[in-house]
N, C-alpha and C. Protein backbone atom coordinates (compact mmCIF):
# COMPACT_ATOMS: atom_id res chain seq x y z
N UNK A 1 0.85 -1.16 0.00
CA UNK A 1 0.00 0.00 0.00
C UNK A 1 0.90 1.24 0.00
N UNK A 2 0.57 2.17 -0.85
CA UNK A 2 1.36 3.39 -0.96
C UNK A 2 0.44 4.59 -0.81
N UNK A 3 0.88 5.55 -0.02
CA UNK A 3 0.15 6.80 0.13
C UNK A 3 1.00 7.90 -0.47
N UNK A 4 0.38 8.79 -1.22
CA UNK A 4 1.10 9.90 -1.85
C UNK A 4 0.44 11.20 -1.42
N UNK A 5 1.25 12.16 -1.02
CA UNK A 5 0.75 13.47 -0.63
C UNK A 5 1.28 14.50 -1.61
N UNK A 6 0.39 15.30 -2.17
CA UNK A 6 0.78 16.38 -3.07
C UNK A 6 0.29 17.68 -2.45
N UNK A 7 1.22 18.57 -2.14
CA UNK A 7 0.85 19.86 -1.57
C UNK A 7 0.74 20.89 -2.68
N UNK A 8 -0.38 21.57 -2.72
CA UNK A 8 -0.60 22.63 -3.70
C UNK A 8 -0.71 23.95 -2.97
N UNK A 9 0.39 24.62 -2.82
CA UNK A 9 0.42 25.89 -2.11
C UNK A 9 0.21 27.05 -3.07
N UNK A 10 -0.35 28.16 -2.59
CA UNK A 10 -0.55 29.31 -3.45
C UNK A 10 0.77 29.69 -4.12
N UNK A 11 0.70 30.00 -5.38
CA UNK A 11 -0.44 30.33 -6.21
C UNK A 11 -1.01 29.15 -7.00
N UNK A 12 -0.70 27.91 -6.63
CA UNK A 12 -1.25 26.75 -7.34
C UNK A 12 -2.77 26.75 -7.25
N UNK A 13 -3.41 26.41 -8.35
CA UNK A 13 -4.87 26.35 -8.36
C UNK A 13 -5.33 24.92 -8.06
N UNK A 14 -6.60 24.79 -7.74
CA UNK A 14 -7.18 23.47 -7.49
C UNK A 14 -7.03 22.59 -8.75
N UNK A 15 -7.24 23.17 -9.91
CA UNK A 15 -7.12 22.43 -11.17
C UNK A 15 -5.70 21.92 -11.36
N UNK A 16 -4.70 22.71 -10.99
CA UNK A 16 -3.31 22.27 -11.10
C UNK A 16 -3.00 21.12 -10.15
N UNK A 17 -3.55 21.18 -8.95
CA UNK A 17 -3.35 20.10 -7.98
C UNK A 17 -4.01 18.82 -8.49
N UNK A 18 -5.22 18.94 -9.01
CA UNK A 18 -5.91 17.76 -9.55
C UNK A 18 -5.15 17.18 -10.74
N UNK A 19 -4.57 18.04 -11.58
CA UNK A 19 -3.78 17.56 -12.71
C UNK A 19 -2.54 16.83 -12.22
N UNK A 20 -1.90 17.35 -11.19
CA UNK A 20 -0.73 16.68 -10.61
C UNK A 20 -1.12 15.32 -10.05
N UNK A 21 -2.27 15.24 -9.40
CA UNK A 21 -2.76 13.97 -8.85
C UNK A 21 -2.98 12.97 -9.98
N UNK A 22 -3.56 13.41 -11.07
CA UNK A 22 -3.80 12.52 -12.21
C UNK A 22 -2.48 12.04 -12.81
N UNK A 23 -1.49 12.93 -12.88
CA UNK A 23 -0.18 12.54 -13.40
C UNK A 23 0.45 11.45 -12.53
N UNK A 24 0.40 11.63 -11.22
CA UNK A 24 0.97 10.65 -10.30
C UNK A 24 0.22 9.32 -10.41
N UNK A 25 -1.10 9.38 -10.48
CA UNK A 25 -1.88 8.15 -10.63
C UNK A 25 -1.49 7.42 -11.91
N UNK A 26 -1.31 8.17 -12.99
CA UNK A 26 -0.91 7.56 -14.26
C UNK A 26 0.47 6.91 -14.13
N UNK A 27 1.42 7.60 -13.50
CA UNK A 27 2.77 7.06 -13.35
C UNK A 27 2.77 5.79 -12.50
N UNK A 28 1.98 5.78 -11.43
CA UNK A 28 1.89 4.60 -10.57
C UNK A 28 1.40 3.41 -11.38
N UNK A 29 0.36 3.62 -12.17
CA UNK A 29 -0.21 2.53 -12.97
C UNK A 29 0.71 2.15 -14.13
N UNK A 30 1.33 3.13 -14.78
CA UNK A 30 2.18 2.87 -15.94
C UNK A 30 3.43 2.07 -15.57
N UNK A 31 3.92 2.25 -14.35
CA UNK A 31 5.14 1.57 -13.92
C UNK A 31 4.85 0.31 -13.12
N UNK A 32 3.59 -0.10 -13.10
CA UNK A 32 3.23 -1.36 -12.46
C UNK A 32 3.36 -1.35 -10.95
N UNK A 33 3.35 -0.17 -10.35
CA UNK A 33 3.46 -0.08 -8.89
C UNK A 33 2.14 -0.44 -8.24
N UNK A 34 1.05 -0.17 -8.90
CA UNK A 34 -0.27 -0.46 -8.35
C UNK A 34 -1.33 0.34 -9.09
N UNK A 35 -2.46 0.44 -8.47
CA UNK A 35 -3.59 1.17 -9.03
C UNK A 35 -4.07 2.17 -7.98
N UNK A 36 -4.21 3.41 -8.38
CA UNK A 36 -4.73 4.43 -7.47
C UNK A 36 -6.22 4.17 -7.27
N UNK A 37 -6.63 4.03 -6.05
CA UNK A 37 -8.03 3.70 -5.79
C UNK A 37 -8.81 4.84 -5.16
N UNK A 38 -8.11 5.79 -4.55
CA UNK A 38 -8.82 6.92 -3.94
C UNK A 38 -7.94 8.16 -4.01
N UNK A 39 -8.59 9.28 -4.05
CA UNK A 39 -7.87 10.55 -3.95
C UNK A 39 -8.82 11.58 -3.35
N UNK A 40 -8.23 12.62 -2.78
CA UNK A 40 -9.02 13.70 -2.20
C UNK A 40 -8.20 14.98 -2.26
N UNK A 41 -8.86 16.07 -2.54
CA UNK A 41 -8.22 17.38 -2.49
C UNK A 41 -8.75 18.08 -1.25
N UNK A 42 -7.84 18.34 -0.32
CA UNK A 42 -8.23 19.01 0.92
C UNK A 42 -8.05 20.51 0.76
N UNK A 43 -8.87 21.25 1.46
CA UNK A 43 -8.82 22.70 1.39
C UNK A 43 -9.33 23.27 2.71
N UNK A 44 -9.38 24.58 2.77
CA UNK A 44 -9.92 25.23 3.96
C UNK A 44 -11.38 24.79 4.16
N UNK A 45 -12.11 24.65 3.06
CA UNK A 45 -13.52 24.25 3.12
C UNK A 45 -13.68 22.75 3.42
N UNK A 46 -12.71 21.95 3.02
CA UNK A 46 -12.74 20.50 3.25
C UNK A 46 -11.39 20.10 3.84
N UNK A 47 -11.22 20.30 5.18
CA UNK A 47 -9.91 20.08 5.80
C UNK A 47 -9.52 18.62 6.03
N UNK A 48 -10.45 17.70 5.84
CA UNK A 48 -10.11 16.28 6.02
C UNK A 48 -11.00 15.44 5.15
N UNK A 49 -10.57 14.20 4.93
CA UNK A 49 -11.36 13.26 4.14
C UNK A 49 -11.13 11.86 4.71
N UNK A 50 -12.16 11.06 4.68
CA UNK A 50 -12.08 9.68 5.15
C UNK A 50 -11.74 8.80 3.96
N UNK A 51 -10.60 8.15 4.01
CA UNK A 51 -10.19 7.25 2.95
C UNK A 51 -10.31 5.83 3.47
N UNK A 52 -10.89 4.98 2.69
CA UNK A 52 -11.12 3.59 3.08
C UNK A 52 -9.92 2.74 2.69
N UNK A 53 -9.32 2.10 3.64
CA UNK A 53 -8.17 1.24 3.40
C UNK A 53 -8.64 -0.20 3.52
N UNK A 54 -8.42 -0.97 2.49
CA UNK A 54 -8.95 -2.31 2.57
C UNK A 54 -8.18 -3.34 1.89
């Protein structure tokens, strides 16, 4: 199991952070490391997210 954290600090936009997440997910799958099963973008409005580990 691998967890990846991507920090998007200003002036990065939400769209840029989501694009970076998609790039990392693609790289993980392309290199046979695994399959990304969940992701979440945290913000001031959404400071936490429940991720299911199974």
